[in-house]
Amino acid sequence: MAQVCELCGKGPQFGNNISHAHNVTRRRWNPNLQSVKAATPGGTKRVKVCTSCIKAGKVVKG
């Protein structure tokens, strides 16, 4: 399943692991997603949102 916030669309960022010997391999930083019950117009629904959206009050728990 995709690691994407359903509110803001924040997804993984990509970069490199670099070892002491300067071996370079690809890696990814995933957003901190939490599954919460949110109040939607059609009733409560379980959504995957990032913690920055929860802290900012963008999601109404219900």
PDB file of N, CA and C in Angstrom:
ATOM      1  N   MET A   1       0.841  -1.178   0.000  1.00  0.00           N
ATOM      2  CA  MET A   1       0.000   0.000   0.000  1.00  0.00           C
ATOM      3  C   MET A   1       0.886   1.242   0.000  1.00  0.00           C
ATOM      4  N   ALA A   2       0.411   2.314  -0.617  1.00  0.00           N
ATOM      5  CA  ALA A   2       1.231   3.511  -0.759  1.00  0.00           C
ATOM      6  C   ALA A   2       1.404   4.228   0.574  1.00  0.00           C
ATOM      7  N   GLN A   3       2.619   4.728   0.804  1.00  0.00           N
ATOM      8  CA  GLN A   3       2.925   5.504   2.004  1.00  0.00           C
ATOM      9  C   GLN A   3       2.645   6.972   1.703  1.00  0.00           C
ATOM     10  N   VAL A   4       1.361   7.335   1.566  1.00  0.00           N
ATOM     11  CA  VAL A   4       0.979   8.693   1.210  1.00  0.00           C
ATOM     12  C   VAL A   4      -0.102   9.171   2.164  1.00  0.00           C
ATOM     13  N   CYS A   5       0.047  10.405   2.672  1.00  0.00           N
ATOM     14  CA  CYS A   5      -0.955  11.005   3.541  1.00  0.00           C
ATOM     15  C   CYS A   5      -2.197  11.316   2.706  1.00  0.00           C
ATOM     16  N   GLU A   6      -3.374  10.953   3.214  1.00  0.00           N
ATOM     17  CA  GLU A   6      -4.607  11.160   2.452  1.00  0.00           C
ATOM     18  C   GLU A   6      -5.073  12.609   2.481  1.00  0.00           C
ATOM     19  N   LEU A   7      -4.528  13.434   3.382  1.00  0.00           N
ATOM     20  CA  LEU A   7      -4.930  14.843   3.438  1.00  0.00           C
ATOM     21  C   LEU A   7      -3.991  15.735   2.641  1.00  0.00           C
ATOM     22  N   CYS A   8      -2.706  15.694   2.954  1.00  0.00           N
ATOM     23  CA  CYS A   8      -1.769  16.636   2.321  1.00  0.00           C
ATOM     24  C   CYS A   8      -1.027  16.022   1.143  1.00  0.00           C
ATOM     25  N   GLY A   9      -1.071  14.701   0.991  1.00  0.00           N
ATOM     26  CA  GLY A   9      -0.388  14.063  -0.133  1.00  0.00           C
ATOM     27  C   GLY A   9       1.100  13.854   0.086  1.00  0.00           C
ATOM     28  N   LYS A  10       1.561  14.040   1.327  1.00  0.00           N
ATOM     29  CA  LYS A  10       2.984  13.848   1.615  1.00  0.00           C
ATOM     30  C   LYS A  10       3.352  12.386   1.424  1.00  0.00           C
ATOM     31  N   GLY A  11       4.435  12.138   0.681  1.00  0.00           N
ATOM     32  CA  GLY A  11       4.870  10.782   0.406  1.00  0.00           C
ATOM     33  C   GLY A  11       6.329  10.603   0.778  1.00  0.00           C
ATOM     34  N   PRO A  12       6.905   9.467   0.413  1.00  0.00           N
ATOM     35  CA  PRO A  12       8.300   9.211   0.763  1.00  0.00           C
ATOM     36  C   PRO A  12       9.255  10.110  -0.023  1.00  0.00           C
ATOM     37  N   GLN A  13      10.397  10.411   0.626  1.00  0.00           N
ATOM     38  CA  GLN A  13      11.471  11.122  -0.049  1.00  0.00           C
ATOM     39  C   GLN A  13      12.605  10.144  -0.262  1.00  0.00           C
ATOM     40  N   PHE A  14      13.381  10.362  -1.307  1.00  0.00           N
ATOM     41  CA  PHE A  14      14.423   9.416  -1.677  1.00  0.00           C
ATOM     42  C   PHE A  14      15.791  10.060  -1.583  1.00  0.00           C
ATOM     43  N   GLY A  15      16.783   9.236  -1.280  1.00  0.00           N
ATOM     44  CA  GLY A  15      18.152   9.718  -1.189  1.00  0.00           C
ATOM     45  C   GLY A  15      19.107   8.542  -1.191  1.00  0.00           C
ATOM     46  N   ASN A  16      20.303   8.757  -0.636  1.00  0.00           N
ATOM     47  CA  ASN A  16      21.336   7.733  -0.653  1.00  0.00           C
ATOM     48  C   ASN A  16      21.803   7.404   0.754  1.00  0.00           C
ATOM     49  N   ASN A  17      22.076   6.107   1.002  1.00  0.00           N
ATOM     50  CA  ASN A  17      22.898   5.699   2.123  1.00  0.00           C
ATOM     51  C   ASN A  17      24.334   5.779   1.643  1.00  0.00           C
ATOM     52  N   ILE A  18      25.192   6.412   2.433  1.00  0.00           N
ATOM     53  CA  ILE A  18      26.598   6.487   2.064  1.00  0.00           C
ATOM     54  C   ILE A  18      27.413   5.908   3.212  1.00  0.00           C
ATOM     55  N   SER A  19      28.125   4.800   2.951  1.00  0.00           N
ATOM     56  CA  SER A  19      28.914   4.142   3.984  1.00  0.00           C
ATOM     57  C   SER A  19      30.245   4.859   4.173  1.00  0.00           C
ATOM     58  N   HIS A  20      30.996   4.391   5.161  1.00  0.00           N
ATOM     59  CA  HIS A  20      32.319   4.970   5.420  1.00  0.00           C
ATOM     60  C   HIS A  20      33.240   4.778   4.223  1.00  0.00           C
ATOM     61  N   ALA A  21      33.040   3.669   3.499  1.00  0.00           N
ATOM     62  CA  ALA A  21      33.833   3.402   2.299  1.00  0.00           C
ATOM     63  C   ALA A  21      33.230   4.069   1.063  1.00  0.00           C
ATOM     64  N   HIS A  22      32.240   4.903   1.280  1.00  0.00           N
ATOM     65  CA  HIS A  22      31.538   5.653   0.238  1.00  0.00           C
ATOM     66  C   HIS A  22      30.811   4.752  -0.756  1.00  0.00           C
ATOM     67  N   ASN A  23      30.315   3.602  -0.268  1.00  0.00           N
ATOM     68  CA  ASN A  23      29.398   2.806  -1.072  1.00  0.00           C
ATOM     69  C   ASN A  23      28.038   3.498  -1.028  1.00  0.00           C
ATOM     70  N   VAL A  24      27.436   3.685  -2.191  1.00  0.00           N
ATOM     71  CA  VAL A  24      26.187   4.445  -2.274  1.00  0.00           C
ATOM     72  C   VAL A  24      25.058   3.504  -2.662  1.00  0.00           C
ATOM     73  N   THR A  25      24.026   3.431  -1.831  1.00  0.00           N
ATOM     74  CA  THR A  25      22.829   2.659  -2.144  1.00  0.00           C
ATOM     75  C   THR A  25      21.611   3.545  -1.917  1.00  0.00           C
ATOM     76  N   ARG A  26      20.543   3.275  -2.645  1.00  0.00           N
ATOM     77  CA  ARG A  26      19.339   4.099  -2.544  1.00  0.00           C
ATOM     78  C   ARG A  26      18.579   3.758  -1.269  1.00  0.00           C
ATOM     79  N   ARG A  27      17.938   4.756  -0.691  1.00  0.00           N
ATOM     80  CA  ARG A  27      17.095   4.551   0.475  1.00  0.00           C
ATOM     81  C   ARG A  27      15.909   5.502   0.391  1.00  0.00           C
ATOM     82  N   ARG A  28      14.944   5.325   1.280  1.00  0.00           N
ATOM     83  CA  ARG A  28      13.787   6.220   1.290  1.00  0.00           C
ATOM     84  C   ARG A  28      13.394   6.557   2.715  1.00  0.00           C
ATOM     85  N   TRP A  29      12.915   7.773   2.884  1.00  0.00           N
ATOM     86  CA  TRP A  29      12.397   8.244   4.158  1.00  0.00           C
ATOM     87  C   TRP A  29      10.881   8.298   4.028  1.00  0.00           C
ATOM     88  N   ASN A  30      10.192   7.455   4.801  1.00  0.00           N
ATOM     89  CA  ASN A  30       8.735   7.431   4.755  1.00  0.00           C
ATOM     90  C   ASN A  30       8.161   8.438   5.748  1.00  0.00           C
ATOM     91  N   PRO A  31       7.008   9.049   5.430  1.00  0.00           N
ATOM     92  CA  PRO A  31       6.369   9.939   6.392  1.00  0.00           C
ATOM     93  C   PRO A  31       5.798   9.128   7.548  1.00  0.00           C
ATOM     94  N   ASN A  32       5.622   9.767   8.690  1.00  0.00           N
ATOM     95  CA  ASN A  32       5.079   9.114   9.880  1.00  0.00           C
ATOM     96  C   ASN A  32       3.562   9.089   9.751  1.00  0.00           C
ATOM     97  N   LEU A  33       3.031   8.017   9.176  1.00  0.00           N
ATOM     98  CA  LEU A  33       1.589   7.903   8.955  1.00  0.00           C
ATOM     99  C   LEU A  33       0.938   7.144  10.093  1.00  0.00           C
ATOM    100  N   GLN A  34      -0.227   7.635  10.497  1.00  0.00           N
ATOM    101  CA  GLN A  34      -1.021   6.987  11.532  1.00  0.00           C
ATOM    102  C   GLN A  34      -2.409   6.723  10.968  1.00  0.00           C
ATOM    103  N   SER A  35      -2.987   5.607  11.336  1.00  0.00           N
ATOM    104  CA  SER A  35      -4.339   5.271  10.916  1.00  0.00           C
ATOM    105  C   SER A  35      -5.299   5.751  12.003  1.00  0.00           C
ATOM    106  N   VAL A  36      -6.131   6.745  11.682  1.00  0.00           N
ATOM    107  CA  VAL A  36      -7.047   7.323  12.664  1.00  0.00           C
ATOM    108  C   VAL A  36      -8.462   7.312  12.098  1.00  0.00           C
ATOM    109  N   LYS A  37      -9.428   7.264  13.005  1.00  0.00           N
ATOM    110  CA  LYS A  37     -10.824   7.406  12.601  1.00  0.00           C
ATOM    111  C   LYS A  37     -11.136   8.887  12.507  1.00  0.00           C
ATOM    112  N   ALA A  38     -11.513   9.341  11.315  1.00  0.00           N
ATOM    113  CA  ALA A  38     -11.759  10.759  11.081  1.00  0.00           C
ATOM    114  C   ALA A  38     -13.225  10.970  10.719  1.00  0.00           C
ATOM    115  N   ALA A  39     -13.761  12.107  11.154  1.00  0.00           N
ATOM    116  CA  ALA A  39     -15.143  12.463  10.832  1.00  0.00           C
ATOM    117  C   ALA A  39     -15.184  12.998   9.406  1.00  0.00           C
ATOM    118  N   THR A  40     -15.974  12.361   8.550  1.00  0.00           N
ATOM    119  CA  THR A  40     -16.160  12.790   7.171  1.00  0.00           C
ATOM    120  C   THR A  40     -17.638  13.062   6.963  1.00  0.00           C
ATOM    121  N   PRO A  41     -17.997  13.731   5.874  1.00  0.00           N
ATOM    122  CA  PRO A  41     -19.428  14.006   5.640  1.00  0.00           C
ATOM    123  C   PRO A  41     -20.294  12.745   5.580  1.00  0.00           C
ATOM    124  N   GLY A  42     -19.732  11.619   5.165  1.00  0.00           N
ATOM    125  CA  GLY A  42     -20.500  10.381   5.086  1.00  0.00           C
ATOM    126  C   GLY A  42     -20.428   9.545   6.359  1.00  0.00           C
ATOM    127  N   GLY A  43     -19.904  10.094   7.434  1.00  0.00           N
ATOM    128  CA  GLY A  43     -19.732   9.349   8.679  1.00  0.00           C
ATOM    129  C   GLY A  43     -18.257   9.199   8.996  1.00  0.00           C
ATOM    130  N   THR A  44     -17.952   8.380   9.999  1.00  0.00           N
ATOM    131  CA  THR A  44     -16.547   8.192  10.366  1.00  0.00           C
ATOM    132  C   THR A  44     -15.887   7.212   9.415  1.00  0.00           C
ATOM    133  N   LYS A  45     -14.625   7.455   9.141  1.00  0.00           N
ATOM    134  CA  LYS A  45     -13.878   6.639   8.194  1.00  0.00           C
ATOM    135  C   LYS A  45     -12.450   6.533   8.686  1.00  0.00           C
ATOM    136  N   ARG A  46     -11.809   5.389   8.494  1.00  0.00           N
ATOM    137  CA  ARG A  46     -10.418   5.207   8.892  1.00  0.00           C
ATOM    138  C   ARG A  46      -9.517   5.705   7.758  1.00  0.00           C
ATOM    139  N   VAL A  47      -8.659   6.671   8.078  1.00  0.00           N
ATOM    140  CA  VAL A  47      -7.774   7.265   7.070  1.00  0.00           C
ATOM    141  C   VAL A  47      -6.337   7.211   7.573  1.00  0.00           C
ATOM    142  N   LYS A  48      -5.397   7.177   6.623  1.00  0.00           N
ATOM    143  CA  LYS A  48      -3.972   7.221   6.949  1.00  0.00           C
ATOM    144  C   LYS A  48      -3.499   8.653   6.745  1.00  0.00           C
ATOM    145  N   VAL A  49      -3.147   9.325   7.849  1.00  0.00           N
ATOM    146  CA  VAL A  49      -2.697  10.709   7.775  1.00  0.00           C
ATOM    147  C   VAL A  49      -1.363  10.838   8.492  1.00  0.00           C
ATOM    148  N   CYS A  50      -0.575  11.838   8.088  1.00  0.00           N
ATOM    149  CA  CYS A  50       0.716  12.056   8.719  1.00  0.00           C
ATOM    150  C   CYS A  50       0.530  12.790  10.046  1.00  0.00           C
ATOM    151  N   THR A  51       1.516  12.657  10.908  1.00  0.00           N
ATOM    152  CA  THR A  51       1.405  13.244  12.237  1.00  0.00           C
ATOM    153  C   THR A  51       1.414  14.766  12.186  1.00  0.00           C
ATOM    154  N   SER A  52       2.024  15.357  11.151  1.00  0.00           N
ATOM    155  CA  SER A  52       2.006  16.817  11.058  1.00  0.00           C
ATOM    156  C   SER A  52       0.599  17.328  10.767  1.00  0.00           C
ATOM    157  N   CYS A  53      -0.213  16.564  10.028  1.00  0.00           N
ATOM    158  CA  CYS A  53      -1.617  16.944   9.796  1.00  0.00           C
ATOM    159  C   CYS A  53      -2.429  16.787  11.084  1.00  0.00           C
ATOM    160  N   ILE A  54      -2.135  15.747  11.872  1.00  0.00           N
ATOM    161  CA  ILE A  54      -2.846  15.549  13.130  1.00  0.00           C
ATOM    162  C   ILE A  54      -2.509  16.683  14.090  1.00  0.00           C
ATOM    163  N   LYS A  55      -1.232  17.053  14.183  1.00  0.00           N
ATOM    164  CA  LYS A  55      -0.808  18.129  15.087  1.00  0.00           C
ATOM    165  C   LYS A  55      -1.394  19.469  14.663  1.00  0.00           C
ATOM    166  N   ALA A  56      -1.505  19.707  13.356  1.00  0.00           N
ATOM    167  CA  ALA A  56      -2.004  20.977  12.844  1.00  0.00           C
ATOM    168  C   ALA A  56      -3.524  21.078  12.969  1.00  0.00           C
ATOM    169  N   GLY A  57      -4.191  19.986  13.335  1.00  0.00           N
ATOM    170  CA  GLY A  57      -5.645  20.014  13.478  1.00  0.00           C
ATOM    171  C   GLY A  57      -6.386  19.903  12.167  1.00  0.00           C
ATOM    172  N   LYS A  58      -5.726  19.400  11.125  1.00  0.00           N
ATOM    173  CA  LYS A  58      -6.383  19.261   9.823  1.00  0.00           C
ATOM    174  C   LYS A  58      -7.371  18.114   9.799  1.00  0.00           C
ATOM    175  N   VAL A  59      -7.242  17.165  10.734  1.00  0.00           N
ATOM    176  CA  VAL A  59      -8.136  16.017  10.776  1.00  0.00           C
ATOM    177  C   VAL A  59      -8.975  16.108  12.056  1.00  0.00           C
ATOM    178  N   VAL A  60     -10.295  15.912  11.908  1.00  0.00           N
ATOM    179  CA  VAL A  60     -11.198  15.924  13.053  1.00  0.00           C
ATOM    180  C   VAL A  60     -11.476  14.480  13.418  1.00  0.00           C
ATOM    181  N   LYS A  61     -10.995  14.074  14.601  1.00  0.00           N
ATOM    182  CA  LYS A  61     -11.205  12.701  15.013  1.00  0.00           C
ATOM    183  C   LYS A  61     -12.664  12.493  15.375  1.00  0.00           C
ATOM    184  N   GLY A  62     -13.150  11.296  15.017  1.00  0.00           N
ATOM    185  CA  GLY A  62     -14.549  11.033  15.328  1.00  0.00           C
ATOM    186  C   GLY A  62     -14.920   9.596  15.237  1.00  0.00           C
TER     187      GLY A  62
END
